[in-house]
Amino acid sequence: MDESVQAQGGFDGELWPEPRLAELAGLADRHDFDIWVHQLRHAETSIRRHRKRLEALRDGRAPRRCPVCGGPVAGRADAVYCGDVCRLRAYRGRSHPGGPGEDAAGGS
């Protein structure tokens, strides 16, 4: 597997060497950088999540499952939900058990 990852350009320590970054800085405006930083943060989160899943599989641990959607839970050891969407759904389910149309006291 390592060979296939490296063949696709993985594990390159200098993917963006300093001279290339300086060249990009001259071509882009601040808005472009904001977009790139946002996309990189999203990619880092995704990569970290996948790494945690692979480590769990490697170590023979059963993947934790989200109680809301049944998807795999990755990240912190004490994480319960797979992400913010399921965490909010669970909170709303606890806060408003009757759903829309029912007031906070539980009556209609």
Protein backbone atom coordinates (compact mmCIF):
# COMPACT_ATOMS: atom_id res chain seq x y z
CA MET A 1 0.00 0.00 0.00
CA ASP A 2 2.84 2.40 0.78
CA GLU A 3 4.11 2.13 -2.78
CA SER A 4 0.69 3.00 -4.23
CA VAL A 5 0.34 6.03 -1.95
CA GLN A 6 3.82 7.25 -2.81
CA ALA A 7 3.19 6.65 -6.51
CA GLN A 8 0.20 9.01 -6.26
CA GLY A 9 2.34 11.74 -4.73
CA GLY A 10 1.68 10.95 -1.08
CA PHE A 11 4.15 11.53 1.76
CA ASP A 12 5.95 14.35 -0.02
CA GLY A 13 7.50 16.51 2.67
CA GLU A 14 7.95 19.52 0.39
CA LEU A 15 4.75 19.60 -1.64
CA TRP A 16 4.71 23.41 -1.45
CA PRO A 17 8.31 24.58 -1.15
CA GLU A 18 8.84 28.16 0.00
CA PRO A 19 9.64 29.63 -3.44
CA ARG A 20 6.41 28.20 -4.83
CA LEU A 21 4.38 29.63 -1.94
CA ALA A 22 5.93 33.04 -2.53
CA GLU A 23 4.96 32.80 -6.20
CA LEU A 24 1.37 31.97 -5.24
CA ALA A 25 1.28 34.87 -2.79
CA GLY A 26 2.06 37.24 -5.63
CA LEU A 27 -0.76 35.87 -7.79
CA ALA A 28 -3.57 35.67 -5.26
CA ASP A 29 -5.54 38.19 -3.27
CA ARG A 30 -6.59 37.88 0.38
CA HIS A 31 -9.96 36.34 -0.50
CA ASP A 32 -8.19 33.49 -2.32
CA PHE A 33 -6.08 32.80 0.75
CA ASP A 34 -9.16 32.72 2.98
CA ILE A 35 -10.73 30.14 0.67
CA TRP A 36 -7.55 28.05 0.56
CA VAL A 37 -7.12 28.11 4.33
CA HIS A 38 -10.76 27.07 4.80
CA GLN A 39 -10.36 24.20 2.32
CA LEU A 40 -7.13 23.05 3.96
CA ARG A 41 -8.74 23.04 7.40
CA HIS A 42 -11.60 20.96 6.06
CA ALA A 43 -9.13 18.54 4.43
CA GLU A 44 -7.10 18.25 7.65
CA THR A 45 -10.24 17.36 9.59
CA SER A 46 -11.22 14.76 7.03
CA ILE A 47 -7.73 13.24 6.94
CA ARG A 48 -7.58 13.11 10.74
CA ARG A 49 -10.97 11.37 10.84
CA HIS A 50 -9.88 8.78 8.26
CA ARG A 51 -6.59 8.20 10.08
CA LYS A 52 -8.44 7.51 13.32
CA ARG A 53 -10.70 5.01 11.55
CA LEU A 54 -7.73 3.24 9.98
CA GLU A 55 -5.90 3.09 13.33
CA ALA A 56 -8.96 1.54 14.95
CA LEU A 57 -9.16 -1.08 12.21
CA ARG A 58 -5.43 -1.77 12.45
CA ASP A 59 -5.63 -2.20 16.23
CA GLY A 60 -8.63 -4.52 15.97
CA ARG A 61 -11.00 -2.18 17.78
CA ALA A 62 -14.63 -2.25 16.77
CA PRO A 63 -15.63 1.09 15.26
CA ARG A 64 -17.82 3.22 17.48
CA ARG A 65 -21.23 3.95 15.99
CA CYS A 66 -23.21 7.18 16.13
CA PRO A 67 -26.47 6.64 18.08
CA VAL A 68 -28.34 9.00 15.72
CA CYS A 69 -27.37 7.82 12.22
CA GLY A 70 -25.33 4.67 12.84
CA GLY A 71 -22.28 6.09 11.06
CA PRO A 72 -18.74 5.62 12.36
CA VAL A 73 -17.54 7.96 15.12
CA ALA A 74 -13.97 9.21 14.90
CA GLY A 75 -12.00 11.89 16.63
CA ARG A 76 -11.80 12.35 20.36
CA ALA A 77 -11.92 9.27 22.54
CA ASP A 78 -15.01 10.61 24.33
CA ALA A 79 -16.89 11.57 21.14
CA VAL A 80 -20.40 10.15 21.02
CA TYR A 81 -21.73 11.44 17.68
CA CYS A 82 -20.22 11.33 14.20
CA GLY A 83 -20.46 15.09 13.73
CA ASP A 84 -22.19 18.35 14.52
CA VAL A 85 -25.36 17.51 12.57
CA CYS A 86 -26.06 14.37 14.60
CA ARG A 87 -25.06 16.06 17.86
CA LEU A 88 -27.61 18.82 17.18
CA ARG A 89 -30.30 16.32 16.16
CA ALA A 90 -29.80 14.44 19.41
CA TYR A 91 -29.92 17.68 21.43
CA ARG A 92 -33.08 18.81 19.67
CA GLY A 93 -34.62 15.39 20.22
CA ARG A 94 -33.92 15.68 23.96
CA SER A 95 -35.01 19.33 24.17
CA HIS A 96 -38.17 18.94 22.08
CA PRO A 97 -39.27 15.30 22.38
CA GLY A 98 -42.65 15.92 20.74
CA GLY A 99 -41.16 17.67 17.72
CA PRO A 100 -42.70 20.71 16.04
CA GLY A 101 -46.04 21.88 17.32
CA GLU A 102 -45.44 20.95 20.96
CA ASP A 103 -44.42 23.58 23.46
CA ALA A 104 -41.50 23.27 25.89
CA ALA A 105 -43.75 22.12 28.76
CA GLY A 106 -44.80 19.04 26.80
CA GLY A 107 -48.36 20.11 25.97
CA SER A 108 -49.89 20.75 22.58
